[in-house]
Structure formats: structure tokens, C-alpha cells
Amino acid sequence: MPANVGVSDRWIRIILGIVFAVLAIMGIGGTVGVIIFAILAVVGIGTGLTARCPLYAAGHCSTRPKV
């Protein structure tokens, strides 16, 4: 799968992933909240670091500029 996440989109995903990780570590929202925040953190940080988003690929869209 080619990279399909642009630079600003990557930074937003990484920052939000860190925020969600902090919320999960703090235990906000009880058990269900921790699980949801942890999943969102992993997805956000993972897609931000790899510059690949499976949902973007499935929808044939990209925020990465064409070179």
C-alpha cells in the first residue's frame, strides 16, 4: 500500500494519538473509555508514523501531494 497521508495530516494524527494515549493512561471514561482511547491512540500514532491509512486506500483518496 503506497503512502497516502500528507505531512500536516500525519502531525495531526500523531498529536491526537498522544492525547488519546494520555487519556487512556489517566483512566478517563472507565474501562470502556480506556479501551476506546487506547485503540484510537494506536491507530492515530500508527497511521501517522507510517503515512498509510487503510481507510484512505479503500476510498481511493490521499492527502499526500503528488510529486
Protein backbone atom coordinates (compact mmCIF):
# COMPACT_ATOMS: atom_id res chain seq x y z
CA MET A 1 0.00 0.00 0.00
CA PRO A 2 1.56 3.32 -1.02
CA ALA A 3 1.81 6.24 1.39
CA ASN A 4 -1.40 8.27 1.28
CA VAL A 5 -1.22 10.56 4.33
CA GLY A 6 0.21 14.06 3.90
CA VAL A 7 2.57 15.86 6.28
CA SER A 8 0.04 18.02 8.13
CA ASP A 9 -2.38 15.08 8.35
CA ARG A 10 0.42 12.95 9.83
CA TRP A 11 1.21 15.54 12.54
CA ILE A 12 -2.46 15.88 13.47
CA ARG A 13 -2.81 12.10 13.76
CA ILE A 14 0.33 11.78 15.90
CA ILE A 15 -0.66 14.63 18.24
CA LEU A 16 -4.22 13.32 18.64
CA GLY A 17 -2.83 9.82 19.17
CA ILE A 18 -0.66 11.10 22.01
CA VAL A 19 -3.64 12.92 23.54
CA PHE A 20 -5.75 9.75 23.35
CA ALA A 21 -2.89 7.74 24.90
CA VAL A 22 -2.68 10.17 27.81
CA LEU A 23 -6.45 9.95 28.33
CA ALA A 24 -6.24 6.15 28.31
CA ILE A 25 -3.36 6.16 30.80
CA MET A 26 -5.30 8.55 33.06
CA GLY A 27 -8.25 6.15 33.02
CA ILE A 28 -10.76 8.68 31.71
CA GLY A 29 -14.13 7.10 30.93
CA GLY A 30 -13.71 3.93 32.94
CA THR A 31 -12.81 0.61 31.37
CA VAL A 32 -14.66 1.21 28.13
CA GLY A 33 -13.18 4.67 27.78
CA VAL A 34 -9.67 3.37 28.34
CA ILE A 35 -10.14 0.71 25.66
CA ILE A 36 -11.57 3.19 23.15
CA PHE A 37 -8.88 5.80 23.83
CA ALA A 38 -6.14 3.15 23.59
CA ILE A 39 -7.43 1.92 20.22
CA LEU A 40 -7.68 5.49 18.92
CA ALA A 41 -4.15 6.18 20.16
CA VAL A 42 -2.66 3.14 18.43
CA VAL A 43 -4.47 3.88 15.16
CA GLY A 44 -3.60 7.59 15.22
CA ILE A 45 0.06 7.13 16.05
CA GLY A 46 0.41 4.12 13.75
CA THR A 47 -1.09 5.77 10.69
CA GLY A 48 0.78 8.98 11.44
CA LEU A 49 4.17 7.30 11.68
CA THR A 50 3.72 5.03 8.65
CA ALA A 51 1.92 7.63 6.45
CA ARG A 52 -0.51 4.91 5.39
CA CYS A 53 -4.22 4.84 6.13
CA PRO A 54 -6.27 1.77 5.15
CA LEU A 55 -9.50 3.79 5.07
CA TYR A 56 -7.95 6.29 2.66
CA ALA A 57 -6.76 3.39 0.50
CA ALA A 58 -10.22 1.81 0.49
CA GLY A 59 -11.75 5.14 -0.51
CA HIS A 60 -9.06 5.82 -3.14
CA CYS A 61 -8.19 9.17 -1.59
CA SER A 62 -4.97 10.76 -0.40
CA THR A 63 -3.82 13.88 1.44
CA ARG A 64 -0.25 13.38 0.22
CA PRO A 65 0.76 15.75 -2.57
CA LYS A 66 1.53 14.20 -5.92
CA VAL A 67 5.18 14.50 -6.88
